[in-house]
């Protein structure tokens, strides 16, 4: 059973992944308000997402070809519901 009050970094060798000349430890970086804000969701299920725009590419020939068009989230969401799925496909 895991103790809720146990340090999640206990047993983690942060020095193994931190350059010697790093001015901060990973724990100091994770404790910064700016980093904490990144891990706090500002969007709830069903809520409005932040707008963004991205180039549209054509991969039909097996390579990335710039189409000159852009995808805009707000424009697409005005036409029909949009689902954003984030993940790694490696």
Protein backbone atom coordinates (compact mmCIF):
# COMPACT_ATOMS: atom_id res chain seq x y z
CA UNK A 1 0.00 0.00 0.00
CA UNK A 2 1.31 3.47 -0.93
CA UNK A 3 1.47 6.15 1.75
CA UNK A 4 -0.37 9.27 0.50
CA UNK A 5 2.15 11.44 2.32
CA UNK A 6 5.18 9.67 0.90
CA UNK A 7 7.50 11.86 -1.18
CA UNK A 8 6.82 10.92 -4.84
CA UNK A 9 10.45 11.73 -5.64
CA UNK A 10 11.78 9.37 -2.95
CA UNK A 11 14.16 6.89 -4.51
CA UNK A 12 14.28 8.86 -7.78
CA UNK A 13 17.83 9.74 -8.84
CA UNK A 14 17.20 13.18 -10.29
CA UNK A 15 20.93 13.78 -10.61
CA UNK A 16 21.06 11.09 -13.31
CA UNK A 17 18.89 13.22 -15.64
CA UNK A 18 20.02 16.70 -14.59
CA UNK A 19 23.11 18.37 -16.07
CA UNK A 20 25.74 19.23 -13.47
CA UNK A 21 25.56 22.93 -14.35
CA UNK A 22 21.76 23.08 -14.01
CA UNK A 23 20.79 26.02 -11.77
CA UNK A 24 17.69 24.19 -10.48
CA UNK A 25 16.67 20.71 -9.46
CA UNK A 26 13.63 19.06 -11.07
CA UNK A 27 11.81 19.47 -7.75
CA UNK A 28 12.42 23.24 -7.77
CA UNK A 29 11.15 23.52 -11.33
CA UNK A 30 8.04 21.45 -10.59
CA UNK A 31 7.29 23.63 -7.55
CA UNK A 32 7.30 26.86 -9.60
CA UNK A 33 3.85 28.48 -10.02
CA UNK A 34 4.30 28.60 -13.81
CA UNK A 35 4.85 24.83 -13.94
CA UNK A 36 1.99 24.18 -11.51
CA UNK A 37 -0.33 26.20 -13.77
CA UNK A 38 0.57 23.94 -16.70
CA UNK A 39 -0.54 20.87 -14.77
CA UNK A 40 -3.84 22.42 -13.69
CA UNK A 41 -6.58 22.02 -16.31
CA UNK A 42 -8.42 25.20 -17.22
CA UNK A 43 -10.88 23.39 -19.46
CA UNK A 44 -13.55 21.01 -18.27
CA UNK A 45 -15.30 18.28 -20.28
CA UNK A 46 -17.84 19.96 -22.53
CA UNK A 47 -16.27 23.37 -21.94
CA UNK A 48 -14.85 25.65 -24.58
CA UNK A 49 -11.23 24.97 -25.52
CA UNK A 50 -8.65 27.60 -26.32
CA UNK A 51 -8.53 28.59 -29.96
CA UNK A 52 -5.54 27.59 -32.03
CA UNK A 53 -4.55 27.53 -35.67
CA UNK A 54 -2.31 24.99 -37.39
CA UNK A 55 -1.06 24.42 -40.94
CA UNK A 56 -2.78 21.64 -42.87
CA UNK A 57 -0.46 19.14 -44.55
CA UNK A 58 -1.11 16.52 -47.21
CA UNK A 59 0.51 13.15 -46.47
CA UNK A 60 -1.27 11.21 -49.24
CA UNK A 61 1.96 10.82 -51.24
CA UNK A 62 3.86 9.52 -48.21
CA UNK A 63 5.54 12.80 -47.46
CA UNK A 64 4.61 16.08 -45.81
CA UNK A 65 3.34 18.60 -48.36
CA UNK A 66 2.20 22.05 -47.24
CA UNK A 67 -1.27 22.78 -48.61
CA UNK A 68 -1.31 26.49 -47.80
CA UNK A 69 -4.50 25.98 -45.79
CA UNK A 70 -4.87 26.30 -42.03
CA UNK A 71 -7.04 24.52 -39.46
CA UNK A 72 -8.69 26.89 -36.98
CA UNK A 73 -10.35 25.27 -33.98
CA UNK A 74 -13.05 27.91 -33.45
CA UNK A 75 -14.02 27.92 -37.14
CA UNK A 76 -14.28 24.12 -37.20
CA UNK A 77 -16.27 24.03 -33.94
CA UNK A 78 -18.81 26.49 -35.34
CA UNK A 79 -19.61 23.99 -38.11
CA UNK A 80 -19.79 20.78 -36.03
CA UNK A 81 -18.51 19.25 -32.77
CA UNK A 82 -14.75 18.74 -32.62
CA UNK A 83 -12.87 16.14 -30.57
CA UNK A 84 -9.19 16.72 -29.86
CA UNK A 85 -7.20 13.57 -29.17
CA UNK A 86 -3.63 13.89 -27.94
CA UNK A 87 -1.27 10.99 -27.76
CA UNK A 88 1.95 9.44 -28.91
CA UNK A 89 2.00 6.98 -31.75
CA UNK A 90 5.56 5.77 -31.59
